[in-house]
Amino acid sequence: MKPKRKVVLLSLGGVVGTLFLGAVSGAGKMLTTDLWPSLRPLVSTAWTWTLELFTWLAQPVAFPLWSFIVALLVVVGVIGFLGLVAASFSSDLNAANAKFDPELPPLNESARQVLAVIAIHGGRNEGLYLSQIPSTAGLSQLVYEGAMDVLYHWNLISISYSNWGDQVSLSALGRAYVLHPQSPLAWVVKSA
C-alpha cells in the first residue's frame, strides 16, 4: 500500500472513530439526563435484549458460542485485508502489463521513415553511420535531426560512438516497435 493511501485511511479512520465516540457519549448523556424520556423504554428493552444475547452466547457448550462471531469477524477482516492488498497491487500490475504489451509511441512520418531506414540498413554487419541516414532517407538535415530527436526520446534507437563515425541501430524497444503486429512499419519485416 502506498504511504499516501495509508495516511488517508488512518486519517479517515480517526475522524470516523471520533465522530462515533462523540455520538455515543452525546446519546449517553441525553439518556442519563432525561432529555429524551420517551426513549427510555426503548433503551431498557434494547439493554434487556443485549443482556439476553450475551447470556445466550455465554452458555456452556464444547466451546463458547461467541467464538463463532469472533471467527466470522476474523474471516471478514482477512477478506477485507486481502481486498485492500489486491487493490493496491492492481495499479502495479497494470504498470507491469504495460511494459509487456507496450503501446506504440506516436511517431510522425519523418521519424517512421528514419526508423525504417535504420531497421533495414542497421542490421547489417557493417552497421549504419549517422551521416548516411539523411541521404538514404531523402530528408533535409533539419527534418532528419528532428526525427532522430523523437526516436531518441522514445528510446527506439541505440547510438554507439567511435572514432571512425557514430553508428546507429535499433534498441530493444525499437525492435519491439517494428515487430509489433499493429506497427505502421510492419512492411519492413515483410520486406526483410
N, C-alpha and C. Protein backbone atom coordinates (compact mmCIF):
# COMPACT_ATOMS: atom_id res chain seq x y z
N MET A 1 0.85 -1.16 0.00
CA MET A 1 0.00 0.00 0.00
C MET A 1 0.90 1.23 0.00
N LYS A 2 0.51 2.22 -0.74
CA LYS A 2 1.33 3.42 -0.85
C LYS A 2 1.21 4.25 0.42
N PRO A 3 2.29 4.97 0.81
CA PRO A 3 2.26 5.75 2.04
C PRO A 3 1.15 6.79 2.05
N LYS A 4 0.87 7.41 0.93
CA LYS A 4 -0.15 8.45 0.87
C LYS A 4 -1.52 7.85 1.18
N ARG A 5 -1.77 6.64 0.65
CA ARG A 5 -3.05 5.97 0.88
C ARG A 5 -3.18 5.58 2.35
N LYS A 6 -2.07 5.17 2.98
CA LYS A 6 -2.11 4.80 4.39
C LYS A 6 -2.50 6.00 5.25
N VAL A 7 -1.91 7.16 4.94
CA VAL A 7 -2.20 8.38 5.70
C VAL A 7 -3.66 8.74 5.57
N VAL A 8 -4.20 8.63 4.35
CA VAL A 8 -5.61 8.97 4.14
C VAL A 8 -6.51 8.01 4.89
N LEU A 9 -6.20 6.70 4.85
CA LEU A 9 -7.01 5.71 5.56
C LEU A 9 -6.94 5.92 7.07
N LEU A 10 -5.75 6.21 7.59
CA LEU A 10 -5.62 6.44 9.02
C LEU A 10 -6.35 7.70 9.44
N SER A 11 -6.26 8.75 8.63
CA SER A 11 -6.96 10.00 8.95
C SER A 11 -8.46 9.78 8.91
N LEU A 12 -8.94 9.08 7.90
CA LEU A 12 -10.36 8.81 7.78
C LEU A 12 -10.85 7.96 8.94
N GLY A 13 -10.07 6.95 9.33
CA GLY A 13 -10.43 6.12 10.48
C GLY A 13 -10.49 6.92 11.77
N GLY A 14 -9.55 7.84 11.94
CA GLY A 14 -9.55 8.68 13.13
C GLY A 14 -10.76 9.59 13.19
N VAL A 15 -11.14 10.17 12.06
CA VAL A 15 -12.30 11.05 12.01
C VAL A 15 -13.58 10.26 12.31
N VAL A 16 -13.73 9.09 11.67
CA VAL A 16 -14.92 8.27 11.89
C VAL A 16 -14.99 7.81 13.35
N GLY A 17 -13.86 7.38 13.90
CA GLY A 17 -13.83 6.96 15.31
C GLY A 17 -14.20 8.08 16.25
N THR A 18 -13.69 9.28 15.99
CA THR A 18 -14.01 10.43 16.84
C THR A 18 -15.49 10.77 16.76
N LEU A 19 -16.05 10.75 15.55
CA LEU A 19 -17.48 11.03 15.40
C LEU A 19 -18.32 9.98 16.11
N PHE A 20 -17.94 8.72 16.00
CA PHE A 20 -18.70 7.64 16.64
C PHE A 20 -18.67 7.80 18.17
N LEU A 21 -17.47 8.03 18.72
CA LEU A 21 -17.37 8.19 20.18
C LEU A 21 -18.13 9.42 20.64
N GLY A 22 -18.10 10.50 19.87
CA GLY A 22 -18.87 11.70 20.23
C GLY A 22 -20.36 11.44 20.20
N ALA A 23 -20.82 10.70 19.21
CA ALA A 23 -22.25 10.38 19.13
C ALA A 23 -22.68 9.48 20.29
N VAL A 24 -21.85 8.50 20.62
CA VAL A 24 -22.19 7.59 21.74
C VAL A 24 -22.22 8.36 23.05
N SER A 25 -21.23 9.22 23.29
CA SER A 25 -21.22 9.95 24.56
C SER A 25 -22.37 10.95 24.62
N GLY A 26 -22.69 11.58 23.48
CA GLY A 26 -23.82 12.51 23.46
C GLY A 26 -25.13 11.80 23.71
N ALA A 27 -25.32 10.63 23.09
CA ALA A 27 -26.55 9.87 23.32
C ALA A 27 -26.62 9.40 24.76
N GLY A 28 -25.51 8.95 25.31
CA GLY A 28 -25.50 8.52 26.71
C GLY A 28 -25.84 9.65 27.65
N LYS A 29 -25.34 10.83 27.39
CA LYS A 29 -25.62 11.99 28.25
C LYS A 29 -27.10 12.37 28.16
N MET A 30 -27.66 12.32 26.94
CA MET A 30 -29.08 12.66 26.79
C MET A 30 -29.97 11.67 27.51
N LEU A 31 -29.58 10.40 27.47
CA LEU A 31 -30.41 9.39 28.14
C LEU A 31 -30.30 9.46 29.65
N THR A 32 -29.12 9.76 30.17
CA THR A 32 -28.95 9.82 31.63
C THR A 32 -29.50 11.11 32.22
N THR A 33 -29.58 12.17 31.46
CA THR A 33 -30.12 13.44 31.98
C THR A 33 -31.60 13.59 31.68
N ASP A 34 -32.20 12.57 31.11
CA ASP A 34 -33.63 12.54 30.82
C ASP A 34 -34.06 13.61 29.81
N LEU A 35 -33.20 13.91 28.84
CA LEU A 35 -33.60 14.85 27.80
C LEU A 35 -34.58 14.20 26.81
N TRP A 36 -34.52 12.89 26.68
CA TRP A 36 -35.43 12.16 25.81
C TRP A 36 -36.15 11.09 26.64
N PRO A 37 -37.08 11.45 27.47
CA PRO A 37 -37.75 10.46 28.33
C PRO A 37 -38.55 9.44 27.53
N SER A 38 -38.96 9.80 26.33
CA SER A 38 -39.76 8.85 25.54
C SER A 38 -38.91 7.69 25.02
N LEU A 39 -37.59 7.87 25.01
CA LEU A 39 -36.72 6.80 24.53
C LEU A 39 -36.32 5.82 25.63
N ARG A 40 -36.60 6.14 26.88
CA ARG A 40 -36.18 5.29 27.99
C ARG A 40 -36.73 3.87 27.87
N PRO A 41 -38.00 3.64 27.50
CA PRO A 41 -38.47 2.25 27.37
C PRO A 41 -37.76 1.50 26.24
N LEU A 42 -37.45 2.20 25.15
CA LEU A 42 -36.75 1.55 24.04
C LEU A 42 -35.33 1.16 24.46
N VAL A 43 -34.68 2.03 25.20
CA VAL A 43 -33.32 1.75 25.63
C VAL A 43 -33.30 0.59 26.62
N SER A 44 -34.25 0.59 27.54
CA SER A 44 -34.27 -0.51 28.53
C SER A 44 -34.58 -1.84 27.84
N THR A 45 -35.46 -1.82 26.82
CA THR A 45 -35.74 -3.05 26.07
C THR A 45 -34.51 -3.51 25.30
N ALA A 46 -33.84 -2.58 24.66
CA ALA A 46 -32.62 -2.92 23.92
C ALA A 46 -31.56 -3.45 24.87
N TRP A 47 -31.46 -2.86 26.05
CA TRP A 47 -30.48 -3.32 27.04
C TRP A 47 -30.82 -4.72 27.52
N THR A 48 -32.09 -4.99 27.72
CA THR A 48 -32.51 -6.32 28.15
C THR A 48 -32.19 -7.35 27.07
N TRP A 49 -32.47 -7.02 25.82
CA TRP A 49 -32.17 -7.94 24.72
C TRP A 49 -30.67 -8.18 24.60
N THR A 50 -29.89 -7.13 24.80
CA THR A 50 -28.44 -7.27 24.73
C THR A 50 -27.94 -8.20 25.83
N LEU A 51 -28.46 -8.04 27.03
CA LEU A 51 -28.05 -8.91 28.13
C LEU A 51 -28.47 -10.36 27.86
N GLU A 52 -29.65 -10.56 27.28
CA GLU A 52 -30.10 -11.91 26.96
C GLU A 52 -29.21 -12.53 25.87
N LEU A 53 -28.80 -11.71 24.90
CA LEU A 53 -27.91 -12.21 23.85
C LEU A 53 -26.58 -12.65 24.45
N PHE A 54 -26.02 -11.83 25.33
CA PHE A 54 -24.75 -12.19 25.96
C PHE A 54 -24.91 -13.43 26.84
N THR A 55 -26.05 -13.57 27.50
CA THR A 55 -26.30 -14.76 28.31
C THR A 55 -26.35 -16.00 27.42
N TRP A 56 -27.03 -15.87 26.27
CA TRP A 56 -27.11 -16.99 25.35
C TRP A 56 -25.74 -17.35 24.79
N LEU A 57 -24.94 -16.33 24.46
CA LEU A 57 -23.61 -16.58 23.90
C LEU A 57 -22.67 -17.20 24.93
N ALA A 58 -22.92 -16.96 26.19
CA ALA A 58 -22.03 -17.48 27.23
C ALA A 58 -22.44 -18.87 27.72
N GLN A 59 -23.42 -19.48 27.10
CA GLN A 59 -23.86 -20.82 27.53
C GLN A 59 -22.71 -21.81 27.42
N PRO A 60 -22.62 -22.71 28.37
CA PRO A 60 -21.53 -23.69 28.30
C PRO A 60 -21.83 -24.77 27.25
N VAL A 61 -20.97 -24.84 26.25
CA VAL A 61 -21.00 -25.88 25.23
C VAL A 61 -19.55 -26.30 25.03
N ALA A 62 -19.29 -27.11 24.00
CA ALA A 62 -17.92 -27.56 23.76
C ALA A 62 -16.96 -26.37 23.69
N PHE A 63 -17.41 -25.30 23.11
CA PHE A 63 -16.68 -24.04 23.16
C PHE A 63 -17.71 -22.92 23.11
N PRO A 64 -17.39 -21.76 23.62
CA PRO A 64 -18.39 -20.69 23.74
C PRO A 64 -18.95 -20.28 22.37
N LEU A 65 -20.23 -19.92 22.38
CA LEU A 65 -20.89 -19.53 21.13
C LEU A 65 -20.33 -18.22 20.56
N TRP A 66 -19.82 -17.36 21.42
CA TRP A 66 -19.29 -16.11 20.92
C TRP A 66 -18.08 -16.33 20.02
N SER A 67 -17.45 -17.50 20.11
CA SER A 67 -16.29 -17.77 19.25
C SER A 67 -16.69 -17.82 17.77
N PHE A 68 -17.98 -18.18 17.49
CA PHE A 68 -18.44 -18.13 16.10
C PHE A 68 -18.41 -16.71 15.57
N ILE A 69 -18.82 -15.78 16.39
CA ILE A 69 -18.81 -14.38 15.97
C ILE A 69 -17.39 -13.89 15.77
N VAL A 70 -16.50 -14.28 16.69
CA VAL A 70 -15.10 -13.89 16.55
C VAL A 70 -14.51 -14.48 15.27
N ALA A 71 -14.82 -15.75 15.00
CA ALA A 71 -14.32 -16.38 13.77
C ALA A 71 -14.86 -15.67 12.54
N LEU A 72 -16.13 -15.30 12.57
CA LEU A 72 -16.72 -14.57 11.44
C LEU A 72 -16.03 -13.22 11.25
N LEU A 73 -15.79 -12.51 12.36
CA LEU A 73 -15.10 -11.22 12.27
C LEU A 73 -13.68 -11.38 11.73
N VAL A 74 -12.99 -12.43 12.14
CA VAL A 74 -11.64 -12.68 11.65
C VAL A 74 -11.67 -12.95 10.15
N VAL A 75 -12.62 -13.78 9.70
CA VAL A 75 -12.73 -14.10 8.28
C VAL A 75 -13.04 -12.83 7.47
N VAL A 76 -13.99 -12.03 7.96
CA VAL A 76 -14.33 -10.79 7.26
C VAL A 76 -13.12 -9.85 7.24
N GLY A 77 -12.39 -9.78 8.34
CA GLY A 77 -11.19 -8.94 8.38
C GLY A 77 -10.12 -9.40 7.40
N VAL A 78 -9.91 -10.70 7.32
CA VAL A 78 -8.90 -11.23 6.38
C VAL A 78 -9.33 -10.96 4.94
N ILE A 79 -10.61 -11.16 4.65
CA ILE A 79 -11.09 -10.88 3.28
C ILE A 79 -10.95 -9.40 2.96
N GLY A 80 -11.27 -8.55 3.91
CA GLY A 80 -11.10 -7.10 3.69
C GLY A 80 -9.65 -6.73 3.46
N PHE A 81 -8.76 -7.31 4.27
CA PHE A 81 -7.33 -7.03 4.12
C PHE A 81 -6.83 -7.49 2.75
N LEU A 82 -7.24 -8.71 2.35
CA LEU A 82 -6.82 -9.21 1.04
C LEU A 82 -7.38 -8.34 -0.10
N GLY A 83 -8.60 -7.84 0.09
CA GLY A 83 -9.17 -6.93 -0.91
C GLY A 83 -8.36 -5.65 -1.03
N LEU A 84 -7.94 -5.09 0.11
CA LEU A 84 -7.11 -3.88 0.06
C LEU A 84 -5.76 -4.15 -0.59
N VAL A 85 -5.16 -5.30 -0.27
CA VAL A 85 -3.87 -5.65 -0.87
C VAL A 85 -4.03 -5.83 -2.38
N ALA A 86 -5.09 -6.51 -2.80
CA ALA A 86 -5.33 -6.70 -4.23
C ALA A 86 -5.55 -5.37 -4.94
N ALA A 87 -6.26 -4.46 -4.29
CA ALA A 87 -6.50 -3.15 -4.89
C ALA A 87 -5.20 -2.36 -5.03
N SER A 88 -4.31 -2.48 -4.03
CA SER A 88 -3.05 -1.74 -4.12
C SER A 88 -2.12 -2.35 -5.17
N PHE A 89 -2.21 -3.67 -5.37
CA PHE A 89 -1.38 -4.31 -6.38
C PHE A 89 -1.91 -4.11 -7.79
N SER A 90 -3.17 -3.74 -7.93
CA SER A 90 -3.74 -3.64 -9.27
C SER A 90 -3.04 -2.56 -10.09
N SER A 91 -2.71 -1.44 -9.47
CA SER A 91 -2.02 -0.39 -10.22
C SER A 91 -0.60 -0.85 -10.59
N ASP A 92 0.06 -1.58 -9.69
CA ASP A 92 1.39 -2.10 -10.01
C ASP A 92 1.32 -3.13 -11.14
N LEU A 93 0.28 -3.96 -11.12
CA LEU A 93 0.11 -4.95 -12.18
C LEU A 93 -0.19 -4.29 -13.52
N ASN A 94 -0.97 -3.23 -13.50
CA ASN A 94 -1.25 -2.51 -14.75
C ASN A 94 0.02 -1.90 -15.33
N ALA A 95 0.87 -1.37 -14.47
CA ALA A 95 2.13 -0.81 -14.95
C ALA A 95 3.04 -1.90 -15.52
N ALA A 96 3.09 -3.05 -14.85
CA ALA A 96 3.91 -4.16 -15.36
C ALA A 96 3.34 -4.71 -16.66
N ASN A 97 2.03 -4.76 -16.78
CA ASN A 97 1.41 -5.23 -18.01
C ASN A 97 1.71 -4.28 -19.16
N ALA A 98 1.76 -2.99 -18.87
CA ALA A 98 2.08 -2.02 -19.92
C ALA A 98 3.50 -2.23 -20.44
N LYS A 99 4.41 -2.73 -19.60
CA LYS A 99 5.77 -3.00 -20.06
C LYS A 99 5.81 -4.21 -20.99
N PHE A 100 4.97 -5.21 -20.71
CA PHE A 100 4.95 -6.41 -21.55
C PHE A 100 4.22 -6.18 -22.86
N ASP A 101 3.20 -5.35 -22.86
CA ASP A 101 2.44 -5.07 -24.06
C ASP A 101 2.41 -3.56 -24.25
N PRO A 102 3.54 -2.99 -24.67
CA PRO A 102 3.61 -1.53 -24.73
C PRO A 102 2.74 -0.98 -25.85
N GLU A 103 2.24 0.21 -25.63
CA GLU A 103 1.53 0.91 -26.68
C GLU A 103 2.56 1.50 -27.63
N LEU A 104 2.19 1.59 -28.86
CA LEU A 104 3.12 2.15 -29.85
C LEU A 104 3.23 3.65 -29.63
N PRO A 105 4.46 4.16 -29.54
CA PRO A 105 4.60 5.60 -29.38
C PRO A 105 4.16 6.32 -30.65
N PRO A 106 3.61 7.50 -30.53
CA PRO A 106 3.17 8.24 -31.71
C PRO A 106 4.38 8.84 -32.44
N LEU A 107 4.63 8.37 -33.62
CA LEU A 107 5.75 8.87 -34.43
C LEU A 107 5.20 9.59 -35.65
N ASN A 108 5.85 10.70 -36.01
CA ASN A 108 5.45 11.38 -37.23
C ASN A 108 6.06 10.66 -38.43
N GLU A 109 5.71 11.11 -39.62
CA GLU A 109 6.11 10.41 -40.85
C GLU A 109 7.63 10.39 -41.01
N SER A 110 8.30 11.51 -40.70
CA SER A 110 9.76 11.54 -40.87
C SER A 110 10.45 10.61 -39.87
N ALA A 111 9.94 10.53 -38.65
CA ALA A 111 10.53 9.63 -37.66
C ALA A 111 10.34 8.18 -38.08
N ARG A 112 9.17 7.86 -38.63
CA ARG A 112 8.93 6.50 -39.12
C ARG A 112 9.85 6.18 -40.30
N GLN A 113 10.07 7.18 -41.15
CA GLN A 113 10.94 6.98 -42.31
C GLN A 113 12.38 6.71 -41.86
N VAL A 114 12.87 7.47 -40.90
CA VAL A 114 14.23 7.26 -40.39
C VAL A 114 14.32 5.92 -39.67
N LEU A 115 13.30 5.56 -38.90
CA LEU A 115 13.31 4.28 -38.21
C LEU A 115 13.30 3.12 -39.20
N ALA A 116 12.58 3.27 -40.31
CA ALA A 116 12.56 2.22 -41.34
C ALA A 116 13.95 2.07 -41.96
N VAL A 117 14.62 3.19 -42.23
CA VAL A 117 15.97 3.13 -42.80
C VAL A 117 16.92 2.43 -41.83
N ILE A 118 16.82 2.77 -40.54
CA ILE A 118 17.68 2.14 -39.54
C ILE A 118 17.36 0.65 -39.44
N ALA A 119 16.07 0.29 -39.49
CA ALA A 119 15.69 -1.12 -39.39
C ALA A 119 16.18 -1.92 -40.59
N ILE A 120 16.13 -1.32 -41.77
CA ILE A 120 16.54 -2.03 -42.99
C ILE A 120 18.06 -2.12 -43.09
N HIS A 121 18.75 -1.01 -42.89
CA HIS A 121 20.19 -0.96 -43.13
C HIS A 121 21.03 -1.13 -41.86
N GLY A 122 20.45 -0.94 -40.70
CA GLY A 122 21.23 -1.00 -39.46
C GLY A 122 21.49 -2.41 -38.97
N GLY A 123 20.82 -3.39 -39.52
CA GLY A 123 21.00 -4.77 -39.07
C GLY A 123 22.16 -5.48 -39.74
N ARG A 124 22.77 -4.85 -40.71
CA ARG A 124 23.90 -5.48 -41.39
C ARG A 124 25.13 -5.46 -40.50
N ASN A 125 26.09 -6.28 -40.84
CA ASN A 125 27.29 -6.39 -40.01
C ASN A 125 28.10 -5.11 -39.97
N GLU A 126 28.07 -4.35 -41.07
CA GLU A 126 28.90 -3.14 -41.09
C GLU A 126 28.24 -1.98 -40.34
N GLY A 127 26.95 -2.06 -40.05
CA GLY A 127 26.27 -1.01 -39.30
C GLY A 127 25.87 0.14 -40.19
N LEU A 128 25.18 1.08 -39.61
CA LEU A 128 24.72 2.25 -40.34
C LEU A 128 25.25 3.49 -39.62
N TYR A 129 26.00 4.30 -40.36
CA TYR A 129 26.55 5.51 -39.78
C TYR A 129 25.50 6.60 -39.79
N LEU A 130 25.54 7.45 -38.77
CA LEU A 130 24.57 8.54 -38.67
C LEU A 130 24.63 9.47 -39.87
N SER A 131 25.82 9.64 -40.43
CA SER A 131 25.97 10.55 -41.56
C SER A 131 25.30 10.01 -42.83
N GLN A 132 25.03 8.72 -42.89
CA GLN A 132 24.41 8.12 -44.07
C GLN A 132 22.90 8.26 -44.08
N ILE A 133 22.29 8.47 -42.94
CA ILE A 133 20.83 8.42 -42.83
C ILE A 133 20.12 9.52 -43.63
N PRO A 134 20.54 10.80 -43.57
CA PRO A 134 19.78 11.81 -44.30
C PRO A 134 19.71 11.55 -45.81
N SER A 135 20.81 11.15 -46.39
CA SER A 135 20.78 10.89 -47.84
C SER A 135 20.01 9.62 -48.17
N THR A 136 20.13 8.61 -47.33
CA THR A 136 19.41 7.36 -47.56
C THR A 136 17.91 7.57 -47.41
N ALA A 137 17.50 8.34 -46.41
CA ALA A 137 16.07 8.59 -46.17
C ALA A 137 15.53 9.67 -47.08
N GLY A 138 16.39 10.47 -47.70
CA GLY A 138 15.94 11.56 -48.56
C GLY A 138 15.34 12.72 -47.78
N LEU A 139 15.91 13.01 -46.63
CA LEU A 139 15.39 14.08 -45.77
C LEU A 139 16.42 15.20 -45.64
N SER A 140 15.92 16.40 -45.38
CA SER A 140 16.83 17.51 -45.11
C SER A 140 17.45 17.31 -43.73
N GLN A 141 18.53 18.02 -43.47
CA GLN A 141 19.25 17.86 -42.21
C GLN A 141 18.36 18.21 -41.01
N LEU A 142 17.56 19.27 -41.13
CA LEU A 142 16.70 19.69 -40.03
C LEU A 142 15.62 18.65 -39.73
N VAL A 143 14.98 18.14 -40.78
CA VAL A 143 13.93 17.12 -40.59
C VAL A 143 14.55 15.84 -40.03
N TYR A 144 15.74 15.48 -40.53
CA TYR A 144 16.44 14.29 -40.03
C TYR A 144 16.75 14.43 -38.54
N GLU A 145 17.28 15.58 -38.13
CA GLU A 145 17.62 15.79 -36.72
C GLU A 145 16.38 15.76 -35.83
N GLY A 146 15.28 16.34 -36.31
CA GLY A 146 14.03 16.29 -35.55
C GLY A 146 13.53 14.86 -35.39
N ALA A 147 13.64 14.08 -36.47
CA ALA A 147 13.22 12.67 -36.40
C ALA A 147 14.11 11.90 -35.43
N MET A 148 15.40 12.15 -35.46
CA MET A 148 16.31 11.47 -34.53
C MET A 148 16.01 11.85 -33.08
N ASP A 149 15.66 13.12 -32.86
CA ASP A 149 15.29 13.54 -31.51
C ASP A 149 14.07 12.77 -31.00
N VAL A 150 13.08 12.60 -31.88
CA VAL A 150 11.88 11.86 -31.50
C VAL A 150 12.22 10.40 -31.20
N LEU A 151 13.01 9.79 -32.06
CA LEU A 151 13.39 8.38 -31.86
C LEU A 151 14.22 8.20 -30.59
N TYR A 152 15.11 9.13 -30.33
CA TYR A 152 15.93 9.06 -29.13
C TYR A 152 15.07 9.26 -27.88
N HIS A 153 14.08 10.16 -27.98
CA HIS A 153 13.18 10.42 -26.85
C HIS A 153 12.41 9.16 -26.47
N TRP A 154 11.95 8.40 -27.43
CA TRP A 154 11.19 7.19 -27.18
C TRP A 154 12.09 5.97 -26.98
N ASN A 155 13.41 6.17 -26.95
CA ASN A 155 14.38 5.07 -26.74
C ASN A 155 14.24 3.97 -27.77
N LEU A 156 14.00 4.35 -29.01
CA LEU A 156 13.84 3.38 -30.09
C LEU A 156 15.14 3.09 -30.81
N ILE A 157 16.16 3.91 -30.56
CA ILE A 157 17.45 3.73 -31.24
C ILE A 157 18.56 3.66 -30.21
N SER A 158 19.67 3.07 -30.66
CA SER A 158 20.86 2.99 -29.84
C SER A 158 22.03 3.52 -30.68
N ILE A 159 22.77 4.44 -30.13
CA ILE A 159 23.89 5.05 -30.85
C ILE A 159 25.19 4.62 -30.19
N SER A 160 26.11 4.10 -31.00
CA SER A 160 27.43 3.74 -30.48
C SER A 160 28.45 4.70 -31.11
N TYR A 161 29.19 5.35 -30.23
CA TYR A 161 30.13 6.38 -30.65
C TYR A 161 31.52 5.77 -30.82
N SER A 162 32.20 6.17 -31.91
CA SER A 162 33.55 5.69 -32.14
C SER A 162 34.33 6.75 -32.91
N ASN A 163 35.63 6.54 -33.04
CA ASN A 163 36.48 7.49 -33.77
C ASN A 163 36.22 7.45 -35.27
N TRP A 164 35.75 6.31 -35.79
CA TRP A 164 35.53 6.18 -37.23
C TRP A 164 34.17 6.72 -37.66
N GLY A 165 33.31 6.98 -36.71
CA GLY A 165 31.97 7.51 -37.01
C GLY A 165 30.94 6.88 -36.09
N ASP A 166 29.94 7.64 -35.82
CA ASP A 166 28.90 7.16 -34.91
C ASP A 166 27.92 6.28 -35.67
N GLN A 167 27.65 5.11 -35.10
CA GLN A 167 26.74 4.17 -35.74
C GLN A 167 25.44 4.09 -34.93
N VAL A 168 24.37 3.80 -35.65
CA VAL A 168 23.06 3.72 -35.02
C VAL A 168 22.44 2.36 -35.33
N SER A 169 21.69 1.85 -34.37
CA SER A 169 20.95 0.60 -34.56
C SER A 169 19.67 0.69 -33.74
N LEU A 170 18.80 -0.26 -33.95
CA LEU A 170 17.55 -0.30 -33.18
C LEU A 170 17.83 -0.78 -31.76
N SER A 171 17.18 -0.15 -30.81
CA SER A 171 17.25 -0.63 -29.43
C SER A 171 16.22 -1.76 -29.28
N ALA A 172 16.15 -2.32 -28.10
CA ALA A 172 15.16 -3.38 -27.86
C ALA A 172 13.75 -2.85 -28.07
N LEU A 173 13.49 -1.62 -27.61
CA LEU A 173 12.17 -1.02 -27.82
C LEU A 173 11.93 -0.72 -29.30
N GLY A 174 12.98 -0.35 -30.00
CA GLY A 174 12.84 -0.11 -31.44
C GLY A 174 12.49 -1.37 -32.20
N ARG A 175 13.15 -2.47 -31.84
CA ARG A 175 12.81 -3.75 -32.48
C ARG A 175 11.39 -4.16 -32.14
N ALA A 176 10.98 -3.93 -30.89
CA ALA A 176 9.61 -4.26 -30.49
C ALA A 176 8.61 -3.41 -31.27
N TYR A 177 8.96 -2.15 -31.53
CA TYR A 177 8.08 -1.26 -32.30
C TYR A 177 7.93 -1.78 -33.73
N VAL A 178 9.04 -2.14 -34.35
CA VAL A 178 8.99 -2.60 -35.74
C VAL A 178 8.27 -3.95 -35.83
N LEU A 179 8.48 -4.82 -34.86
CA LEU A 179 7.89 -6.16 -34.90
C LEU A 179 6.46 -6.24 -34.35
N HIS A 180 5.98 -5.15 -33.77
CA HIS A 180 4.62 -5.14 -33.21
C HIS A 180 3.61 -5.36 -34.33
N PRO A 181 2.60 -6.20 -34.10
CA PRO A 181 1.63 -6.51 -35.16
C PRO A 181 0.88 -5.29 -35.69
N GLN A 182 0.71 -4.26 -34.90
CA GLN A 182 -0.02 -3.07 -35.33
C GLN A 182 0.91 -1.93 -35.73
N SER A 183 2.17 -2.22 -35.89
CA SER A 183 3.14 -1.18 -36.23
C SER A 183 2.93 -0.71 -37.66
N PRO A 184 3.06 0.60 -37.89
CA PRO A 184 2.98 1.09 -39.27
C PRO A 184 4.21 0.69 -40.09
N LEU A 185 5.22 0.11 -39.44
CA LEU A 185 6.42 -0.34 -40.14
C LEU A 185 6.44 -1.86 -40.32
N ALA A 186 5.28 -2.48 -40.30
CA ALA A 186 5.23 -3.94 -40.48
C ALA A 186 5.75 -4.36 -41.84
N TRP A 187 5.70 -3.48 -42.81
CA TRP A 187 6.20 -3.77 -44.16
C TRP A 187 7.71 -4.01 -44.14
N VAL A 188 8.42 -3.43 -43.17
CA VAL A 188 9.87 -3.62 -43.10
C VAL A 188 10.19 -5.09 -42.81
N VAL A 189 9.41 -5.70 -41.92
CA VAL A 189 9.63 -7.09 -41.54
C VAL A 189 9.34 -7.99 -42.76
N LYS A 190 8.29 -7.67 -43.49
CA LYS A 190 7.91 -8.48 -44.65
C LYS A 190 8.92 -8.35 -45.79
N SER A 191 9.53 -7.17 -45.90
CA SER A 191 10.48 -6.96 -47.00
C SER A 191 11.87 -7.48 -46.66
N ALA A 192 12.14 -7.75 -45.39
CA ALA A 192 13.48 -8.21 -44.99
C ALA A 192 13.67 -9.68 -45.28
